[in-house]
Amino acid sequence: LRVHVREELGVDPDDQPSPWAAAISSFLFFSVGAVVP
């Protein structure tokens, strides 16, 4: 299953990004960037 998914979809089903990590990271770093000016 993993091999077929990698070959046909180009993704690793066992290595998907965390939506919470993405959301928190984006929130925090946007705030840091916005406070500079």
PDB file of all heavy atoms in Angstrom:
ATOM      1  N   LEU A   1       0.829  -1.200   0.000  1.00  0.00           N
ATOM      2  CA  LEU A   1       0.000   0.000   0.000  1.00  0.00           C
ATOM      3  C   LEU A   1       0.865   1.253   0.000  1.00  0.00           C
ATOM      4  O   LEU A   1       0.623   2.193  -0.775  1.00  0.00           O
ATOM      5  CB  LEU A   1      -0.919  -0.003   1.217  1.00  0.00           C
ATOM      6  CG  LEU A   1      -1.802   1.239   1.397  1.00  0.00           C
ATOM      7  CD1 LEU A   1      -2.769   1.372   0.231  1.00  0.00           C
ATOM      8  CD2 LEU A   1      -2.547   1.165   2.725  1.00  0.00           C
ATOM      9  N   ARG A   2       1.887   1.284   0.854  1.00  0.00           N
ATOM     10  CA  ARG A   2       2.756   2.455   0.915  1.00  0.00           C
ATOM     11  C   ARG A   2       3.463   2.692  -0.423  1.00  0.00           C
ATOM     12  O   ARG A   2       3.567   3.831  -0.885  1.00  0.00           O
ATOM     13  CB  ARG A   2       3.780   2.286   2.038  1.00  0.00           C
ATOM     14  CG  ARG A   2       3.229   2.537   3.431  1.00  0.00           C
ATOM     15  CD  ARG A   2       4.324   2.591   4.465  1.00  0.00           C
ATOM     16  NE  ARG A   2       4.877   1.271   4.724  1.00  0.00           N
ATOM     17  CZ  ARG A   2       4.417   0.434   5.649  1.00  0.00           C
ATOM     18  NH1 ARG A   2       3.373   0.796   6.392  1.00  0.00           N
ATOM     19  NH2 ARG A   2       4.978  -0.740   5.842  1.00  0.00           N
ATOM     20  N   VAL A   3       3.966   1.612  -1.025  1.00  0.00           N
ATOM     21  CA  VAL A   3       4.678   1.755  -2.292  1.00  0.00           C
ATOM     22  C   VAL A   3       3.747   2.262  -3.383  1.00  0.00           C
ATOM     23  O   VAL A   3       4.101   3.166  -4.156  1.00  0.00           O
ATOM     24  CB  VAL A   3       5.321   0.412  -2.702  1.00  0.00           C
ATOM     25  CG1 VAL A   3       5.887   0.504  -4.111  1.00  0.00           C
ATOM     26  CG2 VAL A   3       6.417   0.021  -1.722  1.00  0.00           C
ATOM     27  N   HIS A   4       2.553   1.705  -3.468  1.00  0.00           N
ATOM     28  CA  HIS A   4       1.603   2.142  -4.503  1.00  0.00           C
ATOM     29  C   HIS A   4       1.214   3.605  -4.311  1.00  0.00           C
ATOM     30  O   HIS A   4       1.098   4.354  -5.291  1.00  0.00           O
ATOM     31  CB  HIS A   4       0.354   1.254  -4.474  1.00  0.00           C
ATOM     32  CG  HIS A   4       0.519  -0.034  -5.213  1.00  0.00           C
ATOM     33  ND1 HIS A   4       0.192  -0.179  -6.547  1.00  0.00           N
ATOM     34  CD2 HIS A   4       0.988  -1.253  -4.811  1.00  0.00           C
ATOM     35  CE1 HIS A   4       0.453  -1.422  -6.932  1.00  0.00           C
ATOM     36  NE2 HIS A   4       0.932  -2.093  -5.890  1.00  0.00           N
ATOM     37  N   VAL A   5       1.002   4.005  -3.069  1.00  0.00           N
ATOM     38  CA  VAL A   5       0.618   5.390  -2.803  1.00  0.00           C
ATOM     39  C   VAL A   5       1.756   6.333  -3.187  1.00  0.00           C
ATOM     40  O   VAL A   5       1.534   7.393  -3.795  1.00  0.00           O
ATOM     41  CB  VAL A   5       0.232   5.578  -1.319  1.00  0.00           C
ATOM     42  CG1 VAL A   5       0.086   7.054  -0.982  1.00  0.00           C
ATOM     43  CG2 VAL A   5      -1.073   4.845  -1.019  1.00  0.00           C
ATOM     44  N   ARG A   6       2.981   5.954  -2.842  1.00  0.00           N
ATOM     45  CA  ARG A   6       4.121   6.809  -3.204  1.00  0.00           C
ATOM     46  C   ARG A   6       4.261   6.913  -4.715  1.00  0.00           C
ATOM     47  O   ARG A   6       4.518   7.985  -5.263  1.00  0.00           O
ATOM     48  CB  ARG A   6       5.407   6.251  -2.597  1.00  0.00           C
ATOM     49  CG  ARG A   6       5.501   6.357  -1.090  1.00  0.00           C
ATOM     50  CD  ARG A   6       6.900   6.045  -0.613  1.00  0.00           C
ATOM     51  NE  ARG A   6       6.969   5.910   0.831  1.00  0.00           N
ATOM     52  CZ  ARG A   6       7.043   4.752   1.479  1.00  0.00           C
ATOM     53  NH1 ARG A   6       7.077   3.616   0.779  1.00  0.00           N
ATOM     54  NH2 ARG A   6       7.111   4.707   2.790  1.00  0.00           N
ATOM     55  N   GLU A   7       4.128   5.781  -5.393  1.00  0.00           N
ATOM     56  CA  GLU A   7       4.318   5.778  -6.844  1.00  0.00           C
ATOM     57  C   GLU A   7       3.192   6.496  -7.579  1.00  0.00           C
ATOM     58  O   GLU A   7       3.436   7.215  -8.550  1.00  0.00           O
ATOM     59  CB  GLU A   7       4.411   4.326  -7.350  1.00  0.00           C
ATOM     60  CG  GLU A   7       5.679   3.600  -6.938  1.00  0.00           C
ATOM     61  CD  GLU A   7       6.919   4.180  -7.582  1.00  0.00           C
ATOM     62  OE1 GLU A   7       6.827   4.689  -8.710  1.00  0.00           O
ATOM     63  OE2 GLU A   7       7.988   4.142  -6.943  1.00  0.00           O
ATOM     64  N   GLU A   8       1.967   6.306  -7.130  1.00  0.00           N
ATOM     65  CA  GLU A   8       0.826   6.835  -7.861  1.00  0.00           C
ATOM     66  C   GLU A   8       0.416   8.239  -7.419  1.00  0.00           C
ATOM     67  O   GLU A   8      -0.069   9.027  -8.236  1.00  0.00           O
ATOM     68  CB  GLU A   8      -0.371   5.886  -7.723  1.00  0.00           C
ATOM     69  CG  GLU A   8      -0.119   4.509  -8.343  1.00  0.00           C
ATOM     70  CD  GLU A   8      -1.301   3.570  -8.182  1.00  0.00           C
ATOM     71  OE1 GLU A   8      -2.442   4.070  -8.160  1.00  0.00           O
ATOM     72  OE2 GLU A   8      -1.087   2.348  -8.073  1.00  0.00           O
ATOM     73  N   LEU A   9       0.595   8.546  -6.131  1.00  0.00           N
ATOM     74  CA  LEU A   9       0.187   9.857  -5.626  1.00  0.00           C
ATOM     75  C   LEU A   9       1.353  10.783  -5.345  1.00  0.00           C
ATOM     76  O   LEU A   9       1.171  11.995  -5.208  1.00  0.00           O
ATOM     77  CB  LEU A   9      -0.643   9.692  -4.344  1.00  0.00           C
ATOM     78  CG  LEU A   9      -1.911   8.838  -4.445  1.00  0.00           C
ATOM     79  CD1 LEU A   9      -2.600   8.771  -3.092  1.00  0.00           C
ATOM     80  CD2 LEU A   9      -2.845   9.400  -5.501  1.00  0.00           C
ATOM     81  N   GLY A  10       2.545  10.212  -5.218  1.00  0.00           N
ATOM     82  CA  GLY A  10       3.716  11.035  -4.926  1.00  0.00           C
ATOM     83  C   GLY A  10       3.769  11.530  -3.505  1.00  0.00           C
ATOM     84  O   GLY A  10       4.408  12.554  -3.218  1.00  0.00           O
ATOM     85  N   VAL A  11       3.099  10.839  -2.569  1.00  0.00           N
ATOM     86  CA  VAL A  11       3.118  11.239  -1.161  1.00  0.00           C
ATOM     87  C   VAL A  11       3.442  10.034  -0.299  1.00  0.00           C
ATOM     88  O   VAL A  11       3.262   8.885  -0.713  1.00  0.00           O
ATOM     89  CB  VAL A  11       1.763  11.835  -0.714  1.00  0.00           C
ATOM     90  CG1 VAL A  11       1.438  13.097  -1.488  1.00  0.00           C
ATOM     91  CG2 VAL A  11       0.645  10.819  -0.856  1.00  0.00           C
ATOM     92  N   ASP A  12       3.933  10.316   0.904  1.00  0.00           N
ATOM     93  CA  ASP A  12       4.192   9.260   1.878  1.00  0.00           C
ATOM     94  C   ASP A  12       3.036   9.246   2.871  1.00  0.00           C
ATOM     95  O   ASP A  12       2.876  10.209   3.643  1.00  0.00           O
ATOM     96  CB  ASP A  12       5.504   9.519   2.601  1.00  0.00           C
ATOM     97  CG  ASP A  12       5.903   8.368   3.520  1.00  0.00           C
ATOM     98  OD1 ASP A  12       5.027   7.542   3.857  1.00  0.00           O
ATOM     99  OD2 ASP A  12       7.086   8.293   3.900  1.00  0.00           O
ATOM    100  N   PRO A  13       2.208   8.210   2.885  1.00  0.00           N
ATOM    101  CA  PRO A  13       1.038   8.211   3.777  1.00  0.00           C
ATOM    102  C   PRO A  13       1.405   8.220   5.255  1.00  0.00           C
ATOM    103  O   PRO A  13       0.572   8.556   6.095  1.00  0.00           O
ATOM    104  CB  PRO A  13       0.306   6.917   3.385  1.00  0.00           C
ATOM    105  CG  PRO A  13       1.358   6.040   2.801  1.00  0.00           C
ATOM    106  CD  PRO A  13       2.302   6.966   2.100  1.00  0.00           C
ATOM    107  N   ASP A  14       2.650   7.842   5.574  1.00  0.00           N
ATOM    108  CA  ASP A  14       3.080   7.814   6.970  1.00  0.00           C
ATOM    109  C   ASP A  14       3.790   9.088   7.393  1.00  0.00           C
ATOM    110  O   ASP A  14       4.289   9.189   8.513  1.00  0.00           O
ATOM    111  CB  ASP A  14       4.005   6.618   7.210  1.00  0.00           C
ATOM    112  CG  ASP A  14       3.308   5.290   6.973  1.00  0.00           C
ATOM    113  OD1 ASP A  14       2.091   5.223   7.251  1.00  0.00           O
ATOM    114  OD2 ASP A  14       3.962   4.345   6.506  1.00  0.00           O
ATOM    115  N   ASP A  15       3.889  10.069   6.508  1.00  0.00           N
ATOM    116  CA  ASP A  15       4.646  11.284   6.820  1.00  0.00           C
ATOM    117  C   ASP A  15       3.876  12.512   6.366  1.00  0.00           C
ATOM    118  O   ASP A  15       4.357  13.311   5.575  1.00  0.00           O
ATOM    119  CB  ASP A  15       6.023  11.233   6.145  1.00  0.00           C
ATOM    120  CG  ASP A  15       6.932  12.365   6.604  1.00  0.00           C
ATOM    121  OD1 ASP A  15       6.734  12.871   7.722  1.00  0.00           O
ATOM    122  OD2 ASP A  15       7.841  12.752   5.822  1.00  0.00           O
ATOM    123  N   GLN A  16       2.657  12.647   6.892  1.00  0.00           N
ATOM    124  CA  GLN A  16       1.832  13.795   6.563  1.00  0.00           C
ATOM    125  C   GLN A  16       2.004  14.893   7.613  1.00  0.00           C
ATOM    126  O   GLN A  16       2.172  14.610   8.792  1.00  0.00           O
ATOM    127  CB  GLN A  16       0.363  13.384   6.473  1.00  0.00           C
ATOM    128  CG  GLN A  16       0.060  12.410   5.342  1.00  0.00           C
ATOM    129  CD  GLN A  16       0.451  12.970   3.995  1.00  0.00           C
ATOM    130  OE1 GLN A  16      -0.079  13.981   3.551  1.00  0.00           O
ATOM    131  NE2 GLN A  16       1.411  12.330   3.341  1.00  0.00           N
ATOM    132  N   PRO A  17       1.996  16.158   7.204  1.00  0.00           N
ATOM    133  CA  PRO A  17       2.193  17.258   8.156  1.00  0.00           C
ATOM    134  C   PRO A  17       1.039  17.378   9.142  1.00  0.00           C
ATOM    135  O   PRO A  17      -0.103  17.010   8.836  1.00  0.00           O
ATOM    136  CB  PRO A  17       2.280  18.487   7.254  1.00  0.00           C
ATOM    137  CG  PRO A  17       1.556  18.096   6.012  1.00  0.00           C
ATOM    138  CD  PRO A  17       1.820  16.630   5.820  1.00  0.00           C
ATOM    139  N   SER A  18       1.341  17.904  10.309  1.00  0.00           N
ATOM    140  CA  SER A  18       0.322  18.109  11.336  1.00  0.00           C
ATOM    141  C   SER A  18      -0.387  19.441  11.110  1.00  0.00           C
ATOM    142  O   SER A  18       0.262  20.484  11.028  1.00  0.00           O
ATOM    143  CB  SER A  18       0.970  18.121  12.727  1.00  0.00           C
ATOM    144  OG  SER A  18       0.089  18.662  13.689  1.00  0.00           O
ATOM    145  N   PRO A  19      -1.719  19.444  11.028  1.00  0.00           N
ATOM    146  CA  PRO A  19      -2.430  20.716  10.862  1.00  0.00           C
ATOM    147  C   PRO A  19      -2.251  21.645  12.059  1.00  0.00           C
ATOM    148  O   PRO A  19      -2.204  22.868  11.904  1.00  0.00           O
ATOM    149  CB  PRO A  19      -3.888  20.297  10.682  1.00  0.00           C
ATOM    150  CG  PRO A  19      -3.981  18.911  11.221  1.00  0.00           C
ATOM    151  CD  PRO A  19      -2.639  18.291  11.016  1.00  0.00           C
ATOM    152  N   TRP A  20      -2.121  21.059  13.258  1.00  0.00           N
ATOM    153  CA  TRP A  20      -1.916  21.893  14.447  1.00  0.00           C
ATOM    154  C   TRP A  20      -0.546  22.544  14.443  1.00  0.00           C
ATOM    155  O   TRP A  20      -0.400  23.722  14.794  1.00  0.00           O
ATOM    156  CB  TRP A  20      -2.101  21.062  15.722  1.00  0.00           C
ATOM    157  CG  TRP A  20      -3.540  20.810  16.058  1.00  0.00           C
ATOM    158  CD1 TRP A  20      -4.213  19.630  15.981  1.00  0.00           C
ATOM    159  CD2 TRP A  20      -4.496  21.776  16.499  1.00  0.00           C
ATOM    160  NE1 TRP A  20      -5.528  19.795  16.340  1.00  0.00           N
ATOM    161  CE2 TRP A  20      -5.729  21.094  16.674  1.00  0.00           C
ATOM    162  CE3 TRP A  20      -4.435  23.140  16.759  1.00  0.00           C
ATOM    163  CZ2 TRP A  20      -6.883  21.753  17.101  1.00  0.00           C
ATOM    164  CZ3 TRP A  20      -5.592  23.797  17.180  1.00  0.00           C
ATOM    165  CH2 TRP A  20      -6.796  23.099  17.347  1.00  0.00           C
ATOM    166  N   ALA A  21       0.475  21.782  14.039  1.00  0.00           N
ATOM    167  CA  ALA A  21       1.822  22.358  13.955  1.00  0.00           C
ATOM    168  C   ALA A  21       1.851  23.480  12.931  1.00  0.00           C
ATOM    169  O   ALA A  21       2.457  24.541  13.158  1.00  0.00           O
ATOM    170  CB  ALA A  21       2.831  21.274  13.587  1.00  0.00           C
ATOM    171  N   ALA A  22       1.198  23.274  11.797  1.00  0.00           N
ATOM    172  CA  ALA A  22       1.160  24.301  10.758  1.00  0.00           C
ATOM    173  C   ALA A  22       0.421  25.545  11.247  1.00  0.00           C
ATOM    174  O   ALA A  22       0.869  26.681  11.023  1.00  0.00           O
ATOM    175  CB  ALA A  22       0.489  23.751   9.505  1.00  0.00           C
ATOM    176  N   ALA A  23      -0.716  25.347  11.922  1.00  0.00           N
ATOM    177  CA  ALA A  23      -1.524  26.479  12.391  1.00  0.00           C
ATOM    178  C   ALA A  23      -0.782  27.289  13.450  1.00  0.00           C
ATOM    179  O   ALA A  23      -0.723  28.527  13.379  1.00  0.00           O
ATOM    180  CB  ALA A  23      -2.848  25.970  12.948  1.00  0.00           C
ATOM    181  N   ILE A  24      -0.225  26.611  14.438  1.00  0.00           N
ATOM    182  CA  ILE A  24       0.466  27.313  15.519  1.00  0.00           C
ATOM    183  C   ILE A  24       1.710  28.022  15.001  1.00  0.00           C
ATOM    184  O   ILE A  24       2.003  29.170  15.360  1.00  0.00           O
ATOM    185  CB  ILE A  24       0.827  26.321  16.645  1.00  0.00           C
ATOM    186  CG1 ILE A  24      -0.453  25.813  17.310  1.00  0.00           C
ATOM    187  CG2 ILE A  24       1.733  26.979  17.683  1.00  0.00           C
ATOM    188  CD1 ILE A  24      -0.240  24.674  18.283  1.00  0.00           C
ATOM    189  N   SER A  25       2.451  27.337  14.143  1.00  0.00           N
ATOM    190  CA  SER A  25       3.652  27.937  13.571  1.00  0.00           C
ATOM    191  C   SER A  25       3.312  29.190  12.774  1.00  0.00           C
ATOM    192  O   SER A  25       3.958  30.229  12.903  1.00  0.00           O
ATOM    193  CB  SER A  25       4.359  26.909  12.678  1.00  0.00           C
ATOM    194  OG  SER A  25       5.494  27.468  12.067  1.00  0.00           O
ATOM    195  N   SER A  26       2.287  29.093  11.937  1.00  0.00           N
ATOM    196  CA  SER A  26       1.880  30.238  11.118  1.00  0.00           C
ATOM    197  C   SER A  26       1.406  31.394  11.994  1.00  0.00           C
ATOM    198  O   SER A  26       1.770  32.556  11.762  1.00  0.00           O
ATOM    199  CB  SER A  26       0.765  29.809  10.166  1.00  0.00           C
ATOM    200  OG  SER A  26       0.367  30.875   9.354  1.00  0.00           O
ATOM    201  N   PHE A  27       0.596  31.092  13.008  1.00  0.00           N
ATOM    202  CA  PHE A  27       0.080  32.123  13.920  1.00  0.00           C
ATOM    203  C   PHE A  27       1.212  32.859  14.619  1.00  0.00           C
ATOM    204  O   PHE A  27       1.266  34.094  14.646  1.00  0.00           O
ATOM    205  CB  PHE A  27      -0.854  31.474  14.944  1.00  0.00           C
ATOM    206  CG  PHE A  27      -1.413  32.432  15.959  1.00  0.00           C
ATOM    207  CD1 PHE A  27      -2.629  33.055  15.729  1.00  0.00           C
ATOM    208  CD2 PHE A  27      -0.731  32.699  17.140  1.00  0.00           C
ATOM    209  CE1 PHE A  27      -3.152  33.947  16.663  1.00  0.00           C
ATOM    210  CE2 PHE A  27      -1.244  33.589  18.073  1.00  0.00           C
ATOM    211  CZ  PHE A  27      -2.456  34.213  17.837  1.00  0.00           C
ATOM    212  N   LEU A  28       2.147  32.097  15.190  1.00  0.00           N
ATOM    213  CA  LEU A  28       3.223  32.709  15.966  1.00  0.00           C
ATOM    214  C   LEU A  28       4.169  33.521  15.089  1.00  0.00           C
ATOM    215  O   LEU A  28       4.527  34.657  15.425  1.00  0.00           O
ATOM    216  CB  LEU A  28       4.008  31.624  16.708  1.00  0.00           C
ATOM    217  CG  LEU A  28       3.265  30.904  17.836  1.00  0.00           C
ATOM    218  CD1 LEU A  28       4.147  29.816  18.444  1.00  0.00           C
ATOM    219  CD2 LEU A  28       2.840  31.895  18.921  1.00  0.00           C
ATOM    220  N   PHE A  29       4.570  32.955  13.947  1.00  0.00           N
ATOM    221  CA  PHE A  29       5.546  33.646  13.120  1.00  0.00           C
ATOM    222  C   PHE A  29       4.934  34.837  12.390  1.00  0.00           C
ATOM    223  O   PHE A  29       5.631  35.819  12.123  1.00  0.00           O
ATOM    224  CB  PHE A  29       6.207  32.663  12.151  1.00  0.00           C
ATOM    225  CG  PHE A  29       7.291  31.858  12.796  1.00  0.00           C
ATOM    226  CD1 PHE A  29       7.006  30.679  13.460  1.00  0.00           C
ATOM    227  CD2 PHE A  29       8.601  32.301  12.766  1.00  0.00           C
ATOM    228  CE1 PHE A  29       8.000  29.940  14.070  1.00  0.00           C
ATOM    229  CE2 PHE A  29       9.613  31.575  13.373  1.00  0.00           C
ATOM    230  CZ  PHE A  29       9.312  30.388  14.028  1.00  0.00           C
ATOM    231  N   PHE A  30       3.640  34.777  12.062  1.00  0.00           N
ATOM    232  CA  PHE A  30       2.985  35.958  11.517  1.00  0.00           C
ATOM    233  C   PHE A  30       3.025  37.081  12.550  1.00  0.00           C
ATOM    234  O   PHE A  30       3.316  38.234  12.216  1.00  0.00           O
ATOM    235  CB  PHE A  30       1.540  35.648  11.140  1.00  0.00           C
ATOM    236  CG  PHE A  30       0.822  36.811  10.499  1.00  0.00           C
ATOM    237  CD1 PHE A  30       0.714  36.895   9.123  1.00  0.00           C
ATOM    238  CD2 PHE A  30       0.264  37.832  11.268  1.00  0.00           C
ATOM    239  CE1 PHE A  30       0.057  37.966   8.521  1.00  0.00           C
ATOM    240  CE2 PHE A  30      -0.382  38.903  10.690  1.00  0.00           C
ATOM    241  CZ  PHE A  30      -0.489  38.980   9.314  1.00  0.00           C
ATOM    242  N   SER A  31       2.723  36.744  13.802  1.00  0.00           N
ATOM    243  CA  SER A  31       2.723  37.752  14.863  1.00  0.00           C
ATOM    244  C   SER A  31       4.100  38.375  15.030  1.00  0.00           C
ATOM    245  O   SER A  31       4.232  39.598  15.182  1.00  0.00           O
ATOM    246  CB  SER A  31       2.273  37.117  16.184  1.00  0.00           C
ATOM    247  OG  SER A  31       0.973  36.582  16.071  1.00  0.00           O
ATOM    248  N   VAL A  32       5.136  37.536  15.005  1.00  0.00           N
ATOM    249  CA  VAL A  32       6.507  38.048  15.140  1.00  0.00           C
ATOM    250  C   VAL A  32       6.837  38.983  13.983  1.00  0.00           C
ATOM    251  O   VAL A  32       7.385  40.082  14.173  1.00  0.00           O
ATOM    252  CB  VAL A  32       7.516  36.887  15.197  1.00  0.00           C
ATOM    253  CG1 VAL A  32       8.948  37.408  15.102  1.00  0.00           C
ATOM    254  CG2 VAL A  32       7.339  36.094  16.485  1.00  0.00           C
ATOM    255  N   GLY A  33       6.505  38.554  12.756  1.00  0.00           N
ATOM    256  CA  GLY A  33       6.790  39.400  11.607  1.00  0.00           C
ATOM    257  C   GLY A  33       6.013  40.709  11.650  1.00  0.00           C
ATOM    258  O   GLY A  33       6.550  41.777  11.348  1.00  0.00           O
ATOM    259  N   ALA A  34       4.755  40.647  12.059  1.00  0.00           N
ATOM    260  CA  ALA A  34       3.908  41.838  12.051  1.00  0.00           C
ATOM    261  C   ALA A  34       4.312  42.860  13.099  1.00  0.00           C
ATOM    262  O   ALA A  34       4.076  44.068  12.924  1.00  0.00           O
ATOM    263  CB  ALA A  34       2.446  41.437  12.260  1.00  0.00           C
ATOM    264  N   VAL A  35       4.923  42.420  14.190  1.00  0.00           N
ATOM    265  CA  VAL A  35       5.283  43.356  15.252  1.00  0.00           C
ATOM    266  C   VAL A  35       6.555  44.129  14.922  1.00  0.00           C
ATOM    267  O   VAL A  35       6.810  45.189  15.511  1.00  0.00           O
ATOM    268  CB  VAL A  35       5.436  42.621  16.601  1.00  0.00           C
ATOM    269  CG1 VAL A  35       6.814  41.976  16.734  1.00  0.00           C
ATOM    270  CG2 VAL A  35       5.172  43.560  17.772  1.00  0.00           C
ATOM    271  N   VAL A  36       7.356  43.629  13.973  1.00  0.00           N
ATOM    272  CA  VAL A  36       8.631  44.285  13.651  1.00  0.00           C
ATOM    273  C   VAL A  36       8.440  45.732  13.199  1.00  0.00           C
ATOM    274  O   VAL A  36       9.032  46.656  13.772  1.00  0.00           O
ATOM    275  CB  VAL A  36       9.425  43.464  12.616  1.00  0.00           C
ATOM    276  CG1 VAL A  36      10.622  44.261  12.093  1.00  0.00           C
ATOM    277  CG2 VAL A  36       9.896  42.159  13.232  1.00  0.00           C
ATOM    278  N   PRO A  37       7.640  46.007  12.162  1.00  0.00           N
ATOM    279  CA  PRO A  37       7.482  47.407  11.753  1.00  0.00           C
ATOM    280  C   PRO A  37       6.733  48.265  12.776  1.00  0.00           C
ATOM    281  O   PRO A  37       6.833  49.499  12.754  1.00  0.00           O
ATOM    282  CB  PRO A  37       6.694  47.315  10.440  1.00  0.00           C
ATOM    283  CG  PRO A  37       5.971  46.021  10.516  1.00  0.00           C
ATOM    284  CD  PRO A  37       6.881  45.098  11.273  1.00  0.00           C
TER     285      PRO A  37
END
